[in-house]
């Protein structure tokens, strides 16, 4: 049933779409049925492929989320008469053996990437990727910046007004429970993802003429 509905609507999927990322739209989309969410995915991926003139790939981690993403993308491409989208896998040197074995089952469709620095080397040089990228970056900035303004911002934040609620909130600061890390003799970094994943992915985008602005159309 899903395949039949998709084939009937395929001509309406390919034109580019304006993707709305506001909070009300997010809540509305979360309330959609599974079938409606799947069709929305087809709309987005169809628009993205069209926008990029087919020069696209899927960053595949071998986990459940990206496996579902690949399955849905394959369903779309099959119905649209398009070739399957190539996959890339970043071997960050920190994966489980089971993940590596699973990725191998996708054969030559996967381009394997490897960072210039291993996870262990990144830890030694840059520190530990603790908490979240946002918090790690703020902790690192508070520890090392020469700017009193930036240090004060990371430690105390700045009061802003929410556009959606009109209420004041504090922005830009380290969470209170993690402030102690600023004063500990331990390096915290937000660079781990850039080193192990993004830099390797950048090589394949540039080598294949794929735009690095891959988030511009909702992806």
Protein backbone atom coordinates (compact mmCIF):
# COMPACT_ATOMS: atom_id res chain seq x y z
CA UNK A 1 0.00 0.00 0.00
CA UNK A 2 2.82 2.39 0.90
CA UNK A 3 4.63 1.74 -2.41
CA UNK A 4 1.45 2.38 -4.43
CA UNK A 5 0.77 5.67 -2.66
CA UNK A 6 4.38 6.74 -3.10
CA UNK A 7 4.39 6.02 -6.83
CA UNK A 8 1.21 8.07 -7.27
CA UNK A 9 2.73 11.06 -5.47
CA UNK A 10 6.27 10.82 -6.77
CA UNK A 11 5.86 13.69 -9.25
CA UNK A 12 4.87 15.98 -6.39
CA UNK A 13 7.86 15.03 -4.27
CA UNK A 14 10.76 16.11 -6.46
CA UNK A 15 10.19 19.90 -6.58
CA UNK A 16 12.20 21.81 -3.96
CA UNK A 17 10.47 22.62 -0.70
CA UNK A 18 10.80 25.31 1.92
CA UNK A 19 11.58 23.57 5.22
CA UNK A 20 10.15 25.25 8.32
CA UNK A 21 12.19 24.57 11.47
CA UNK A 22 10.15 26.56 14.00
CA UNK A 23 9.09 25.05 17.34
CA UNK A 24 5.35 25.06 16.52
CA UNK A 25 6.08 23.20 13.28
CA UNK A 26 8.23 20.67 15.16
CA UNK A 27 5.40 19.94 17.58
CA UNK A 28 2.96 19.61 14.69
CA UNK A 29 5.28 17.18 12.89
CA UNK A 30 5.79 15.11 16.03
CA UNK A 31 2.04 14.60 16.20
CA UNK A 32 1.89 13.13 12.68
CA UNK A 33 1.19 9.46 12.11
CA UNK A 34 4.06 7.17 11.11
CA UNK A 35 2.85 7.09 7.50
CA UNK A 36 2.65 10.89 7.38
CA UNK A 37 6.19 11.16 8.76
CA UNK A 38 7.45 8.74 6.12
CA UNK A 39 5.86 10.78 3.33
CA UNK A 40 7.36 13.95 4.78
CA UNK A 41 10.76 12.26 4.70
CA UNK A 42 10.18 11.41 1.02
CA UNK A 43 9.34 15.04 0.33
CA UNK A 44 12.51 16.27 2.03
CA UNK A 45 14.88 13.75 0.48
CA UNK A 46 13.32 14.24 -2.95
CA UNK A 47 13.75 17.99 -2.68
CA UNK A 48 17.32 17.61 -1.46
CA UNK A 49 18.35 15.26 -4.27
CA UNK A 50 16.80 17.68 -6.78
CA UNK A 51 18.47 20.68 -5.14
CA UNK A 52 21.90 18.99 -5.20
CA UNK A 53 21.51 17.65 -8.76
CA UNK A 54 21.93 14.13 -7.45
CA UNK A 55 25.34 14.79 -5.88
CA UNK A 56 24.44 13.41 -2.47
CA UNK A 57 25.55 10.70 -0.08
CA UNK A 58 24.40 9.34 3.28
CA UNK A 59 26.71 9.40 6.27
CA UNK A 60 26.16 5.88 7.58
CA UNK A 61 27.15 4.99 11.14
CA UNK A 62 25.91 1.42 11.15
CA UNK A 63 23.54 2.21 14.03
CA UNK A 64 19.79 1.70 14.08
CA UNK A 65 18.88 5.29 13.14
CA UNK A 66 21.09 5.50 10.07
CA UNK A 67 20.07 1.97 9.05
CA UNK A 68 16.43 3.07 9.03
CA UNK A 69 17.44 6.21 7.12
CA UNK A 70 19.15 4.13 4.44
CA UNK A 71 16.15 1.79 4.19
CA UNK A 72 13.77 4.72 3.69
CA UNK A 73 16.09 6.39 1.19
CA UNK A 74 16.29 3.14 -0.77
CA UNK A 75 12.48 2.90 -0.84
CA UNK A 76 12.26 6.43 -2.19
CA UNK A 77 14.93 5.90 -4.84
CA UNK A 78 13.33 2.65 -5.97
CA UNK A 79 9.94 4.31 -6.43
CA UNK A 80 11.45 7.39 -8.09
CA UNK A 81 13.57 5.32 -10.49
CA UNK A 82 16.81 6.68 -9.05
CA UNK A 83 20.00 4.81 -8.20
CA UNK A 84 20.64 4.06 -4.55
CA UNK A 85 22.42 6.84 -2.70
CA UNK A 86 26.10 6.09 -1.94
CA UNK A 87 27.08 5.63 1.70
CA UNK A 88 30.11 6.78 3.66
CA UNK A 89 31.27 5.31 6.94
CA UNK A 90 33.66 7.06 9.29
CA UNK A 91 35.83 4.49 11.03
CA UNK A 92 36.70 6.65 14.02
CA UNK A 93 38.73 3.78 15.57
CA UNK A 94 36.21 3.75 18.42
CA UNK A 95 33.53 1.45 16.94
CA UNK A 96 32.45 -1.95 18.15
CA UNK A 97 33.56 -4.90 16.03
CA UNK A 98 29.90 -5.80 15.44
CA UNK A 99 29.30 -2.38 13.86
CA UNK A 100 32.26 -2.79 11.52
CA UNK A 101 31.07 -6.24 10.49
CA UNK A 102 27.55 -4.94 9.83
CA UNK A 103 28.78 -2.05 7.67
CA UNK A 104 30.78 -4.52 5.59
CA UNK A 105 27.52 -6.25 4.59
CA UNK A 106 26.69 -3.19 2.44
CA UNK A 107 29.67 -4.01 0.24
CA UNK A 108 31.11 -1.61 -2.32
CA UNK A 109 28.26 0.82 -1.80
CA UNK A 110 30.11 2.12 1.27
CA UNK A 111 33.13 4.38 1.08
CA UNK A 112 35.18 3.87 4.23
CA UNK A 113 36.73 7.00 5.71
CA UNK A 114 39.37 7.19 8.40
CA UNK A 115 40.46 10.30 10.31
CA UNK A 116 44.05 11.51 10.34
CA UNK A 117 44.04 11.10 14.11
CA UNK A 118 42.77 8.16 16.16
CA UNK A 119 40.37 8.57 19.06
CA UNK A 120 43.19 7.84 21.53
CA UNK A 121 45.45 10.44 19.86
CA UNK A 122 42.64 13.01 20.00
CA UNK A 123 42.15 12.41 23.72
CA UNK A 124 45.86 12.89 24.34
CA UNK A 125 46.16 16.05 22.25
CA UNK A 126 42.83 17.81 22.78
CA UNK A 127 41.19 16.36 25.87
CA UNK A 128 37.97 14.53 26.63
CA UNK A 129 34.66 15.05 24.75
CA UNK A 130 32.53 15.30 27.88
CA UNK A 131 28.82 16.10 28.36
CA UNK A 132 27.90 17.67 24.99
CA UNK A 133 29.68 19.58 22.25
CA UNK A 134 28.09 22.83 23.41
CA UNK A 135 29.05 22.42 27.06
CA UNK A 136 32.51 21.10 26.21
CA UNK A 137 33.21 24.12 24.01
CA UNK A 138 32.05 26.54 26.71
CA UNK A 139 34.19 24.85 29.36
CA UNK A 140 37.24 24.94 27.08
CA UNK A 141 36.68 28.61 26.26
CA UNK A 142 36.32 29.54 29.93
CA UNK A 143 39.57 27.71 30.73
CA UNK A 144 41.70 29.16 27.94
CA UNK A 145 40.29 32.47 26.67
CA UNK A 146 42.15 35.74 27.19
CA UNK A 147 38.87 37.63 26.80
CA UNK A 148 37.26 38.68 30.09
CA UNK A 149 33.98 39.18 28.25
CA UNK A 150 33.94 35.61 26.89
CA UNK A 151 35.01 34.13 30.22
CA UNK A 152 32.26 36.04 32.04
CA UNK A 153 29.74 34.98 29.40
CA UNK A 154 30.63 31.31 29.83
CA UNK A 155 30.56 31.48 33.63
CA UNK A 156 27.53 33.74 34.13
CA UNK A 157 25.70 33.96 30.80
CA UNK A 158 23.63 36.80 29.42
CA UNK A 159 19.91 37.44 29.87
CA UNK A 160 17.85 37.26 26.69
CA UNK A 161 14.15 37.34 25.91
CA UNK A 162 12.48 34.36 24.28
CA UNK A 163 10.80 35.20 20.97
CA UNK A 164 8.22 32.46 21.44
CA UNK A 165 7.26 32.99 25.11
CA UNK A 166 8.44 36.54 25.82
CA UNK A 167 10.13 35.33 29.01
CA UNK A 168 13.70 36.08 30.04
CA UNK A 169 16.25 33.29 30.06
CA UNK A 170 20.00 32.99 30.61
CA UNK A 171 22.01 32.10 27.51
CA UNK A 172 25.62 31.20 26.76
CA UNK A 173 26.72 29.87 30.15
CA UNK A 174 28.12 26.60 31.38
CA UNK A 175 25.59 24.54 33.32
CA UNK A 176 26.10 25.03 37.05
CA UNK A 177 26.80 21.35 37.69
CA UNK A 178 29.69 21.35 35.19
CA UNK A 179 31.39 24.62 36.17
CA UNK A 180 33.84 22.77 38.41
CA UNK A 181 35.50 21.38 35.26
CA UNK A 182 36.78 24.89 34.46
CA UNK A 183 39.03 24.67 37.51
CA UNK A 184 40.01 21.00 37.27
CA UNK A 185 43.31 19.81 35.81
CA UNK A 186 41.60 18.06 32.89
CA UNK A 187 41.17 19.17 29.30
CA UNK A 188 37.66 19.15 27.85
CA UNK A 189 37.15 19.51 24.10
CA UNK A 190 34.40 19.88 21.52
CA UNK A 191 36.79 19.10 18.66
CA UNK A 192 36.47 15.31 18.78
CA UNK A 193 33.57 15.09 16.31
CA UNK A 194 35.27 17.53 13.91
CA UNK A 195 38.51 15.55 13.94
CA UNK A 196 37.06 12.04 13.78
CA UNK A 197 34.08 12.65 11.47
CA UNK A 198 33.62 16.04 9.86
CA UNK A 199 37.14 16.50 8.51
CA UNK A 200 37.07 13.05 6.91
CA UNK A 201 33.64 13.71 5.40
CA UNK A 202 34.80 17.04 4.02
CA UNK A 203 37.38 15.25 1.87
CA UNK A 204 34.79 13.14 0.08
CA UNK A 205 32.42 16.09 -0.42
CA UNK A 206 35.14 18.19 -2.00
CA UNK A 207 36.50 15.26 -4.01
CA UNK A 208 33.09 14.57 -5.56
CA UNK A 209 31.94 18.14 -6.04
CA UNK A 210 29.37 17.88 -3.27
CA UNK A 211 28.49 21.11 -1.53
CA UNK A 212 29.51 21.34 2.12
CA UNK A 213 26.32 23.34 2.74
CA UNK A 214 24.38 20.11 3.18
CA UNK A 215 22.08 21.49 5.90
CA UNK A 216 20.69 24.32 3.79
CA UNK A 217 17.67 22.44 2.54
CA UNK A 218 16.62 20.70 5.72
CA UNK A 219 19.17 17.87 5.92
